[in-house]
Amino acid sequence: MISGAILLAVVPVVAAALAYALRRFATLAVGIAVALILGLGLLIWIVPPNLPISLAGRPVLLGQEVAWGGIALRFTEALRPFLSFLYLITIIALIFAWRISQGRTFFAASLLVTSLTGLIMMVRPLALAPLGLAFIACVGVFIVQSGRAGSTRGAFRQLWLPLAAFPLFLTADWFLQQIPFNPDDPLPLSMAIALFGWGLTLLLAPTPLHGPRVALANEAPPLVAAFLQLTSEAVILYLVRAFTSDYVAIINDFNLARVLIYGGLASMAWGGLAALGQRDFARLWSYAGLYNYGNLLLAMGLGLLSSWTLVLLLFGARTILILLGAMSLALLRQQAASTEFDRISGLANRLPWTVGGLLAGGMGLIGFPLTAGFASQWTLLQQVGVRDARWLLVMIPAALGVAIGFLRGLAALGGSTANPQVRREPLVAGWLVAVGVLVSAVLGLAPQLLTGPVTAALAALASLIGR
């Protein structure tokens, strides 16, 4: 009987091999890859893990565990919403990259990342999962650099933190294995908790550890940066919840919540301050993303002490806005060959959907009304006002800094035309951005549409407790 874990790991790799072999025939490559990933997503969404089915004449049990050498892989009900999210953003990235190239290796490499991400979430012991993030960073090097000469900071800085964190998790697991030999000694457990806590802090990368995140957003092709950030963040959210469910002392003794709260506030402050003076949409976008990530860290810190509902709402909105901004930025780079304010002035009339996507995505990241980020941001501000209103003195000025940066960009886009030779948006890519703007606006007006996915993810997270 075929295990679901093997199926979830192998199908994206097969799709990657086909996409690479057919890379000169982009339409065919994307069509095959999207069909395989969509089929896999529908399979895990419809079929219960404990129900055997027949697939191509072979029996398949999605929930069957595969184990060797002390390592186990198993698909569970808890992973369904996370892997569905992963497959959805993979499909969106593939379709957009079909029209606006993100590098010749993006199709294959993104599918390899999808396979690795599934393995990370299924692996036990959980201490091995951060190694998977390091492998994702290694694969990411090739699509971040994307054949470009020049600076390699964005490609290689993303390796630093996962590689630094993995030895901490591995050492923590070794300490846990020593506990049965001397149950009365509290040192192994306390050391393991401290190492797990610092390892999670490195993976979460609050300011001042934000350098790799900003360099990636600055230098990578926009959709590559968005895809790698969102997949890694989804994995890290899962790991934080899983580790804090297994080892509650990470919250109580290590006080991870405090690290997240103050790290989030520092990230917001630096993101807002840096965004204020930018004159390049790529750099402005990276700092707006950092501000929004600070919001997510703050919500996680509060959520460790109460509920993760707000965390998932923020992350759902962040996903939509980051993808929208990345697609718009990719269009701007292709059509105008630059993202600097001085070289893209006056392009609002030639690239209307691109400009709309940049503004809807960027302003949405600070919770502007009529965007996907409004409801969750407003809820966070209310919770912060109840918990400690002094934090608002950081959050609101930082949001204003990001807003001023985008307003300056809008003024440049509406000025005199610097390059009259810029062509209008390609039809398919322009429509994809238009759909993103519409989705953001609809969620700004009806945020309750996210209730279903958030409820499913909360139920999945609840099943982690007491495993």
Protein backbone atom coordinates (compact mmCIF):
# COMPACT_ATOMS: atom_id res chain seq x y z
CA MET A 1 0.00 0.00 0.00
CA ILE A 2 1.33 3.43 -0.99
CA SER A 3 1.74 5.88 1.88
CA GLY A 4 0.34 9.38 1.56
CA ALA A 5 3.64 10.77 2.86
CA ILE A 6 5.48 9.26 -0.10
CA LEU A 7 2.84 10.52 -2.52
CA LEU A 8 3.00 14.07 -1.15
CA ALA A 9 6.78 14.10 -1.38
CA VAL A 10 7.18 12.42 -4.79
CA VAL A 11 4.43 14.04 -6.91
CA PRO A 12 5.90 17.60 -6.67
CA VAL A 13 9.34 16.20 -7.49
CA VAL A 14 7.93 14.46 -10.57
CA ALA A 15 6.23 17.73 -11.52
CA ALA A 16 9.55 19.53 -11.04
CA ALA A 17 11.38 17.08 -13.30
CA LEU A 18 8.75 17.45 -16.03
CA ALA A 19 8.73 21.25 -15.69
CA TYR A 20 12.51 21.38 -16.07
CA ALA A 21 12.56 18.98 -19.02
CA LEU A 22 9.86 21.05 -20.74
CA ARG A 23 11.18 24.47 -19.71
CA ARG A 24 11.40 25.60 -23.35
CA PHE A 25 7.67 24.91 -23.66
CA ALA A 26 6.45 27.04 -20.78
CA THR A 27 2.72 26.59 -21.43
CA LEU A 28 2.97 22.80 -21.44
CA ALA A 29 5.30 22.75 -18.42
CA VAL A 30 3.02 24.97 -16.35
CA GLY A 31 -0.09 23.10 -17.45
CA ILE A 32 1.31 19.73 -16.33
CA ALA A 33 2.70 21.11 -13.05
CA VAL A 34 -0.53 22.93 -12.15
CA ALA A 35 -2.62 19.83 -12.97
CA LEU A 36 -0.46 17.60 -10.73
CA ILE A 37 -0.40 20.03 -7.80
CA LEU A 38 -4.11 20.78 -8.11
CA GLY A 39 -4.88 17.05 -8.18
CA LEU A 40 -2.74 16.52 -5.09
CA GLY A 41 -4.48 19.37 -3.28
CA LEU A 42 -7.94 18.03 -4.10
CA LEU A 43 -6.86 14.56 -2.97
CA ILE A 44 -5.76 15.65 0.51
CA TRP A 45 -8.79 17.93 0.88
CA ILE A 46 -11.37 15.27 -0.03
CA VAL A 47 -9.92 11.97 1.19
CA PRO A 48 -9.65 11.36 4.98
CA PRO A 49 -6.16 10.22 6.08
CA ASN A 50 -7.48 6.91 7.50
CA LEU A 51 -9.55 5.91 4.43
CA PRO A 52 -7.79 3.61 1.92
CA ILE A 53 -8.47 4.42 -1.72
CA SER A 54 -7.42 3.11 -5.11
CA LEU A 55 -5.30 5.41 -7.29
CA ALA A 56 -4.27 4.23 -10.76
CA GLY A 57 -5.00 0.69 -9.66
CA ARG A 58 -2.79 0.93 -6.56
CA PRO A 59 -4.07 1.08 -2.95
CA VAL A 60 -3.24 4.35 -1.16
CA LEU A 61 -3.61 5.26 2.51
CA LEU A 62 -2.83 8.94 3.08
CA GLY A 63 -2.32 8.55 6.82
CA GLN A 64 0.05 5.56 6.67
CA GLU A 65 3.33 6.27 8.44
CA VAL A 66 6.67 5.71 6.76
CA ALA A 67 9.62 5.20 9.13
CA TRP A 68 13.29 4.34 8.84
CA GLY A 69 16.36 5.00 10.99
CA GLY A 70 14.37 6.69 13.75
CA ILE A 71 12.77 9.18 11.32
CA ALA A 72 9.06 9.01 10.56
CA LEU A 73 6.86 10.74 7.97
CA ARG A 74 3.09 10.86 8.31
CA PHE A 75 0.26 12.92 6.85
CA THR A 76 -2.36 13.81 9.46
CA GLU A 77 -5.62 15.74 9.55
CA ALA A 78 -3.75 18.64 11.17
CA LEU A 79 -1.69 19.17 8.01
CA ARG A 80 -4.60 19.44 5.59
CA PRO A 81 -5.12 23.26 5.71
CA PHE A 82 -1.37 23.97 5.75
CA LEU A 83 -0.60 21.82 2.72
CA SER A 84 -3.68 23.12 0.90
CA PHE A 85 -2.38 26.65 1.47
CA LEU A 86 1.03 25.61 0.18
CA TYR A 87 -0.39 24.09 -3.01
CA LEU A 88 -2.60 27.14 -3.62
CA ILE A 89 0.26 29.65 -3.55
CA THR A 90 2.38 27.28 -5.67
CA ILE A 91 -0.32 27.23 -8.34
CA ILE A 92 -0.69 31.03 -8.25
CA ALA A 93 3.08 31.51 -8.52
CA LEU A 94 3.36 29.07 -11.44
CA ILE A 95 0.55 30.69 -13.41
CA PHE A 96 1.89 34.22 -12.97
CA ALA A 97 5.49 33.17 -13.74
CA TRP A 98 4.15 31.62 -16.97
CA ARG A 99 3.43 35.16 -18.22
CA ILE A 100 6.06 37.21 -16.35
CA SER A 101 9.26 35.17 -16.18
CA GLN A 102 10.89 34.80 -12.77
CA GLY A 103 13.90 32.92 -14.12
CA ARG A 104 14.33 29.74 -16.15
CA THR A 105 14.63 27.49 -13.10
CA PHE A 106 11.67 28.91 -11.15
CA PHE A 107 9.12 26.30 -12.26
CA ALA A 108 11.24 23.32 -11.21
CA ALA A 109 12.75 24.90 -8.09
CA SER A 110 9.40 26.11 -6.73
CA LEU A 111 8.02 22.58 -7.02
CA LEU A 112 11.05 21.19 -5.19
CA VAL A 113 10.39 23.74 -2.43
CA THR A 114 6.78 22.53 -2.31
CA SER A 115 7.97 18.93 -1.84
CA LEU A 116 10.46 19.91 0.88
CA THR A 117 7.84 21.96 2.71
CA GLY A 118 5.50 18.97 2.84
CA LEU A 119 8.30 16.79 4.20
CA ILE A 120 9.11 19.33 6.92
CA MET A 121 5.56 19.32 8.20
CA MET A 122 5.29 15.53 8.16
CA VAL A 123 8.64 14.67 9.73
CA ARG A 124 9.15 13.34 13.26
CA PRO A 125 11.07 13.97 15.47
CA LEU A 126 10.12 17.60 15.08
CA ALA A 127 13.69 18.73 15.86
CA LEU A 128 14.70 17.67 12.32
CA ALA A 129 12.23 20.07 10.68
CA PRO A 130 14.55 23.13 10.71
CA LEU A 131 17.01 21.18 8.56
CA GLY A 132 14.31 21.17 5.90
CA LEU A 133 14.19 24.97 6.04
CA ALA A 134 17.93 25.01 5.40
CA PHE A 135 17.41 22.77 2.35
CA ILE A 136 14.67 25.14 1.11
CA ALA A 137 17.13 28.04 1.46
CA CYS A 138 19.71 26.07 -0.54
CA VAL A 139 17.24 25.46 -3.38
CA GLY A 140 16.18 29.09 -3.10
CA VAL A 141 19.73 30.29 -3.84
CA PHE A 142 19.36 29.29 -7.49
CA ILE A 143 16.04 31.02 -8.13
CA VAL A 144 16.93 34.10 -6.07
CA GLN A 145 20.08 34.70 -8.10
CA SER A 146 18.27 33.62 -11.28
CA GLY A 147 21.38 33.82 -13.46
CA ARG A 148 22.09 37.45 -12.54
CA ALA A 149 25.62 38.76 -12.12
CA GLY A 150 26.44 41.17 -9.32
CA SER A 151 25.32 41.09 -5.70
CA THR A 152 24.59 37.70 -4.14
CA ARG A 153 23.45 39.01 -0.76
CA GLY A 154 19.81 38.16 -1.28
CA ALA A 155 20.65 34.63 -2.38
CA PHE A 156 23.09 33.70 0.37
CA ARG A 157 21.91 35.66 3.40
CA GLN A 158 18.72 33.60 3.51
CA LEU A 159 20.91 30.58 4.33
CA TRP A 160 22.30 32.07 7.53
CA LEU A 161 19.51 31.74 10.06
CA PRO A 162 18.19 28.23 9.17
CA LEU A 163 21.76 26.89 9.19
CA ALA A 164 22.46 28.62 12.52
CA ALA A 165 19.22 27.35 14.05
CA PHE A 166 19.51 23.68 13.08
CA PRO A 167 22.40 22.80 15.49
CA LEU A 168 20.37 24.31 18.34
CA PHE A 169 17.40 22.05 17.61
CA LEU A 170 19.63 19.01 17.17
CA THR A 171 21.43 19.67 20.46
CA ALA A 172 18.10 20.23 22.22
CA ASP A 173 16.87 16.87 20.95
CA TRP A 174 20.05 15.23 22.30
CA PHE A 175 19.37 16.74 25.74
CA LEU A 176 15.83 15.34 25.65
CA GLN A 177 17.23 11.88 24.95
CA GLN A 178 19.35 12.14 28.12
CA ILE A 179 16.36 12.64 30.42
CA PRO A 180 15.49 8.89 30.82
CA PHE A 181 19.04 8.17 32.03
CA ASN A 182 18.66 10.57 34.98
CA PRO A 183 15.00 11.59 35.46
CA ASP A 184 15.73 13.61 38.62
CA ASP A 185 18.18 15.95 36.91
CA PRO A 186 16.34 19.11 35.68
CA LEU A 187 19.31 20.35 33.60
CA PRO A 188 18.67 18.40 30.34
CA LEU A 189 15.08 19.60 30.06
CA SER A 190 15.92 23.21 30.91
CA MET A 191 18.77 23.19 28.36
CA ALA A 192 16.49 21.69 25.71
CA ILE A 193 13.82 24.34 26.34
CA ALA A 194 16.37 27.17 26.11
CA LEU A 195 17.85 25.79 22.89
CA PHE A 196 14.41 25.27 21.34
CA GLY A 197 13.49 28.84 22.29
CA TRP A 198 16.61 30.38 20.78
CA GLY A 199 16.27 28.19 17.70
CA LEU A 200 12.71 29.39 17.13
CA THR A 201 13.86 32.99 17.67
CA LEU A 202 16.47 32.59 14.92
CA LEU A 203 13.89 31.12 12.54
CA LEU A 204 11.38 33.89 13.30
CA ALA A 205 14.09 36.50 12.70
CA PRO A 206 12.69 39.63 14.38
CA THR A 207 14.70 42.87 14.16
CA PRO A 208 17.72 43.04 14.43
CA LEU A 209 17.84 39.66 12.63
CA HIS A 210 15.79 41.00 9.73
CA GLY A 211 18.69 41.53 7.30
CA PRO A 212 18.23 38.33 5.23
CA ARG A 213 14.50 39.00 4.87
CA VAL A 214 15.03 42.54 3.56
CA ALA A 215 17.91 41.52 1.26
CA LEU A 216 15.76 38.76 -0.23
CA ALA A 217 12.87 41.13 -0.96
CA ASN A 218 15.26 43.75 -2.40
CA GLU A 219 17.27 41.58 -4.77
CA ALA A 220 15.26 38.51 -5.73
CA PRO A 221 12.70 38.49 -8.53
CA PRO A 222 9.55 39.70 -6.72
CA LEU A 223 7.48 36.54 -7.01
CA VAL A 224 10.46 34.41 -5.98
CA ALA A 225 10.87 36.48 -2.81
CA ALA A 226 7.14 36.30 -2.06
CA PHE A 227 6.97 32.54 -2.65
CA LEU A 228 10.00 31.74 -0.49
CA GLN A 229 8.90 34.07 2.32
CA LEU A 230 5.32 32.81 2.48
CA THR A 231 6.21 29.10 2.37
CA SER A 232 8.89 29.55 5.04
CA GLU A 233 6.56 31.63 7.22
CA ALA A 234 3.82 28.99 6.96
CA VAL A 235 6.29 26.32 8.09
CA ILE A 236 7.60 28.49 10.93
CA LEU A 237 4.06 29.24 12.15
CA TYR A 238 3.40 25.51 12.21
CA LEU A 239 6.66 24.78 14.03
CA VAL A 240 6.07 27.47 16.66
CA ARG A 241 2.64 26.06 17.44
CA ALA A 242 3.86 22.46 17.38
CA PHE A 243 6.88 23.09 19.63
CA THR A 244 4.94 25.21 22.12
CA SER A 245 2.23 22.51 22.22
CA ASP A 246 4.78 19.77 22.92
CA TYR A 247 6.89 21.87 25.31
CA VAL A 248 4.77 24.44 27.14
CA ALA A 249 7.87 25.54 29.05
CA ILE A 250 9.01 27.39 25.89
CA ILE A 251 6.20 29.83 26.64
CA ASN A 252 6.56 29.89 30.43
CA ASP A 253 10.27 29.41 31.20
CA PHE A 254 11.89 30.76 28.03
CA ASN A 255 9.14 33.39 27.69
CA LEU A 256 8.90 33.16 23.93
CA ALA A 257 5.82 35.40 23.99
CA ARG A 258 7.88 38.34 25.28
CA VAL A 259 10.55 37.76 22.63
CA LEU A 260 7.87 37.81 19.94
CA ILE A 261 6.09 40.90 21.28
CA TYR A 262 9.19 43.07 21.60
CA GLY A 263 10.75 41.63 18.45
CA GLY A 264 7.55 42.47 16.59
CA LEU A 265 7.54 46.03 17.89
CA ALA A 266 11.20 46.48 16.90
CA SER A 267 10.47 45.11 13.42
CA MET A 268 7.57 47.52 12.98
CA ALA A 269 9.61 50.49 14.18
CA TRP A 270 12.52 49.77 11.85
CA GLY A 271 10.25 48.93 8.91
CA GLY A 272 8.35 52.21 9.23
CA LEU A 273 11.47 54.31 9.74
CA ALA A 274 13.33 52.76 6.80
CA ALA A 275 10.30 52.96 4.48
CA LEU A 276 9.97 56.69 5.12
CA GLY A 277 13.05 57.61 3.08
CA GLN A 278 12.95 55.08 0.24
CA ARG A 279 12.85 56.14 -3.40
CA ASP A 280 12.65 52.67 -4.91
CA PHE A 281 9.53 50.51 -4.89
CA ALA A 282 11.50 47.28 -4.37
CA ARG A 283 13.15 48.57 -1.20
CA LEU A 284 9.95 50.28 -0.06
CA TRP A 285 8.09 47.01 -0.53
CA SER A 286 10.66 45.09 1.53
CA TYR A 287 10.31 47.45 4.49
CA ALA A 288 6.51 47.53 4.24
CA GLY A 289 6.65 43.74 4.39
CA LEU A 290 8.91 43.95 7.44
CA TYR A 291 6.41 46.26 9.18
CA ASN A 292 3.59 43.81 8.47
CA TYR A 293 5.74 40.88 9.63
CA GLY A 294 6.24 42.75 12.90
CA ASN A 295 2.47 42.81 13.27
CA LEU A 296 2.40 39.06 12.77
CA LEU A 297 5.11 38.50 15.40
CA LEU A 298 3.27 40.70 17.90
CA ALA A 299 0.02 38.79 17.28
CA MET A 300 1.88 35.49 17.73
CA GLY A 301 3.27 36.69 21.05
CA LEU A 302 -0.21 37.62 22.23
CA GLY A 303 -1.64 34.41 20.74
CA LEU A 304 0.71 32.15 22.68
CA LEU A 305 -1.01 33.44 25.79
CA SER A 306 -4.57 33.27 24.42
CA SER A 307 -5.81 32.39 20.90
CA TRP A 308 -4.25 32.13 17.45
CA THR A 309 -7.34 33.37 15.62
CA LEU A 310 -5.83 36.80 14.98
CA VAL A 311 -2.49 35.27 13.92
CA LEU A 312 -4.19 33.27 11.17
CA LEU A 313 -6.31 36.24 10.07
CA LEU A 314 -3.18 38.38 9.78
CA PHE A 315 -1.30 35.67 7.92
CA GLY A 316 -4.18 35.08 5.50
CA ALA A 317 -4.37 38.79 4.70
CA ARG A 318 -0.57 39.01 4.50
CA THR A 319 -0.49 36.18 1.95
CA ILE A 320 -2.94 37.95 -0.35
CA LEU A 321 -1.20 41.31 -0.04
CA ILE A 322 2.34 39.97 -0.45
CA LEU A 323 1.37 38.03 -3.59
CA LEU A 324 -0.48 41.05 -4.98
CA GLY A 325 2.45 43.36 -4.36
CA ALA A 326 4.95 40.86 -5.77
CA MET A 327 2.97 40.42 -8.99
CA SER A 328 2.64 44.20 -9.39
CA LEU A 329 6.34 44.75 -8.72
CA ALA A 330 7.26 42.03 -11.23
CA LEU A 331 5.10 43.73 -13.86
CA LEU A 332 6.70 47.10 -13.11
CA ARG A 333 10.20 45.66 -13.44
CA GLN A 334 9.42 43.98 -16.74
CA GLN A 335 7.58 46.88 -18.35
CA ALA A 336 9.65 49.80 -17.04
CA ALA A 337 12.99 47.99 -16.47
CA SER A 338 13.27 49.78 -13.12
CA THR A 339 11.53 50.32 -9.79
CA GLU A 340 13.20 53.64 -8.89
CA PHE A 341 10.84 56.57 -8.47
CA ASP A 342 12.85 58.82 -10.80
CA ARG A 343 12.71 56.31 -13.66
CA ILE A 344 9.06 55.28 -13.41
CA SER A 345 7.48 58.71 -13.07
CA GLY A 346 4.27 59.28 -14.99
CA LEU A 347 3.51 55.60 -15.62
CA ALA A 348 0.16 55.52 -13.81
CA ASN A 349 -1.76 55.99 -17.07
CA ARG A 350 0.19 53.25 -18.88
CA LEU A 351 0.25 50.66 -16.09
CA PRO A 352 -3.01 51.27 -14.19
CA TRP A 353 -3.42 47.78 -12.73
CA THR A 354 0.24 47.60 -11.77
CA VAL A 355 -0.03 50.88 -9.89
CA GLY A 356 -3.33 49.79 -8.31
CA GLY A 357 -1.75 46.52 -7.18
CA LEU A 358 1.28 48.27 -5.68
CA LEU A 359 -0.88 50.68 -3.71
CA ALA A 360 -3.52 48.13 -2.65
CA GLY A 361 -0.83 45.68 -1.57
CA GLY A 362 1.44 48.23 0.14
CA MET A 363 -1.28 50.17 1.94
CA GLY A 364 -2.99 46.90 2.82
CA LEU A 365 0.13 45.81 4.70
CA ILE A 366 -0.48 48.67 7.16
CA GLY A 367 -4.21 47.95 7.40
CA PHE A 368 -5.61 50.71 5.18
CA PRO A 369 -9.44 50.61 4.83
CA LEU A 370 -10.92 48.71 1.87
CA THR A 371 -7.96 46.34 1.74
CA ALA A 372 -7.57 42.76 2.94
CA GLY A 373 -5.40 43.89 5.85
CA PHE A 374 -7.89 46.33 7.41
CA ALA A 375 -9.98 44.04 9.62
CA SER A 376 -7.09 42.05 11.11
CA GLN A 377 -4.98 45.18 11.65
CA TRP A 378 -7.84 46.98 13.39
CA THR A 379 -8.42 43.95 15.62
CA LEU A 380 -4.73 43.88 16.53
CA LEU A 381 -4.80 47.58 17.44
CA GLN A 382 -7.79 46.92 19.71
CA GLN A 383 -6.03 44.03 21.46
CA VAL A 384 -2.88 46.09 21.90
CA GLY A 385 -4.94 48.96 23.35
CA VAL A 386 -6.27 46.59 25.99
CA ARG A 387 -2.92 44.90 26.71
CA ASP A 388 -0.55 47.91 26.70
CA ALA A 389 -1.58 51.11 24.91
CA ARG A 390 2.04 52.35 24.94
CA TRP A 391 2.79 49.92 22.12
CA LEU A 392 0.52 52.01 19.88
CA LEU A 393 3.16 54.75 20.08
CA VAL A 394 5.36 52.44 18.01
CA MET A 395 2.75 50.87 15.73
CA ILE A 396 0.93 53.98 14.50
CA PRO A 397 3.96 56.19 13.66
CA ALA A 398 5.61 53.21 11.93
CA ALA A 399 2.48 52.66 9.83
CA LEU A 400 2.50 56.35 8.91
CA GLY A 401 6.12 56.02 7.78
CA VAL A 402 5.15 53.21 5.37
CA ALA A 403 2.12 55.19 4.17
CA ILE A 404 4.22 58.28 3.44
CA GLY A 405 6.66 56.13 1.47
CA PHE A 406 3.87 54.82 -0.77
CA LEU A 407 2.30 58.27 -1.16
CA ARG A 408 5.65 59.56 -2.40
CA GLY A 409 5.75 56.68 -4.85
CA LEU A 410 2.22 57.51 -6.01
CA ALA A 411 3.24 61.14 -6.56
CA ALA A 412 6.12 59.96 -8.74
CA LEU A 413 3.89 57.62 -10.75
CA GLY A 414 1.46 60.46 -11.40
CA GLY A 415 4.06 63.01 -12.49
CA SER A 416 5.49 63.73 -15.91
CA THR A 417 6.37 60.68 -17.99
CA ALA A 418 10.05 59.76 -17.78
CA ASN A 419 9.89 56.93 -20.32
CA PRO A 420 7.17 57.23 -23.01
CA GLN A 421 8.28 53.92 -24.59
CA VAL A 422 6.89 51.79 -21.74
CA ARG A 423 4.32 49.29 -23.04
CA ARG A 424 1.01 48.57 -21.33
CA GLU A 425 0.53 45.50 -19.15
CA PRO A 426 0.32 42.06 -20.78
CA LEU A 427 -3.30 40.94 -20.80
CA VAL A 428 -3.11 37.79 -18.63
CA ALA A 429 -0.67 39.23 -16.07
CA GLY A 430 -2.67 42.46 -15.88
CA TRP A 431 -5.86 40.53 -15.24
CA LEU A 432 -4.20 38.45 -12.51
CA VAL A 433 -3.20 41.67 -10.72
CA ALA A 434 -6.71 43.06 -11.26
CA VAL A 435 -8.19 39.94 -9.65
CA GLY A 436 -5.80 40.39 -6.71
CA VAL A 437 -6.91 44.00 -6.24
CA LEU A 438 -10.55 42.89 -6.38
CA VAL A 439 -10.00 40.08 -3.86
CA SER A 440 -8.27 42.52 -1.50
CA ALA A 441 -11.15 45.00 -1.80
CA VAL A 442 -13.81 42.31 -1.25
CA LEU A 443 -12.05 41.05 1.87
CA GLY A 444 -11.74 44.63 3.07
CA LEU A 445 -15.53 44.95 2.82
CA ALA A 446 -16.38 41.39 3.95
CA PRO A 447 -13.54 40.03 6.13
CA GLN A 448 -15.87 37.27 7.38
CA LEU A 449 -15.07 35.42 4.14
CA LEU A 450 -11.82 34.34 5.82
CA THR A 451 -13.72 32.77 8.72
CA GLY A 452 -13.98 29.32 7.12
CA PRO A 453 -10.26 28.88 6.31
CA VAL A 454 -9.23 30.33 9.68
CA THR A 455 -11.60 28.00 11.55
CA ALA A 456 -10.19 24.99 9.69
CA ALA A 457 -6.63 26.03 10.49
CA LEU A 458 -7.51 26.61 14.15
CA ALA A 459 -9.02 23.14 14.39
CA ALA A 460 -5.84 21.72 12.86
CA LEU A 461 -3.67 23.58 15.36
CA ALA A 462 -5.87 22.42 18.24
CA SER A 463 -5.22 18.82 17.23
CA LEU A 464 -1.50 19.39 17.88
CA ILE A 465 -2.11 19.95 21.59
CA GLY A 466 -1.65 16.85 23.66
CA ARG A 467 -0.45 14.67 20.78
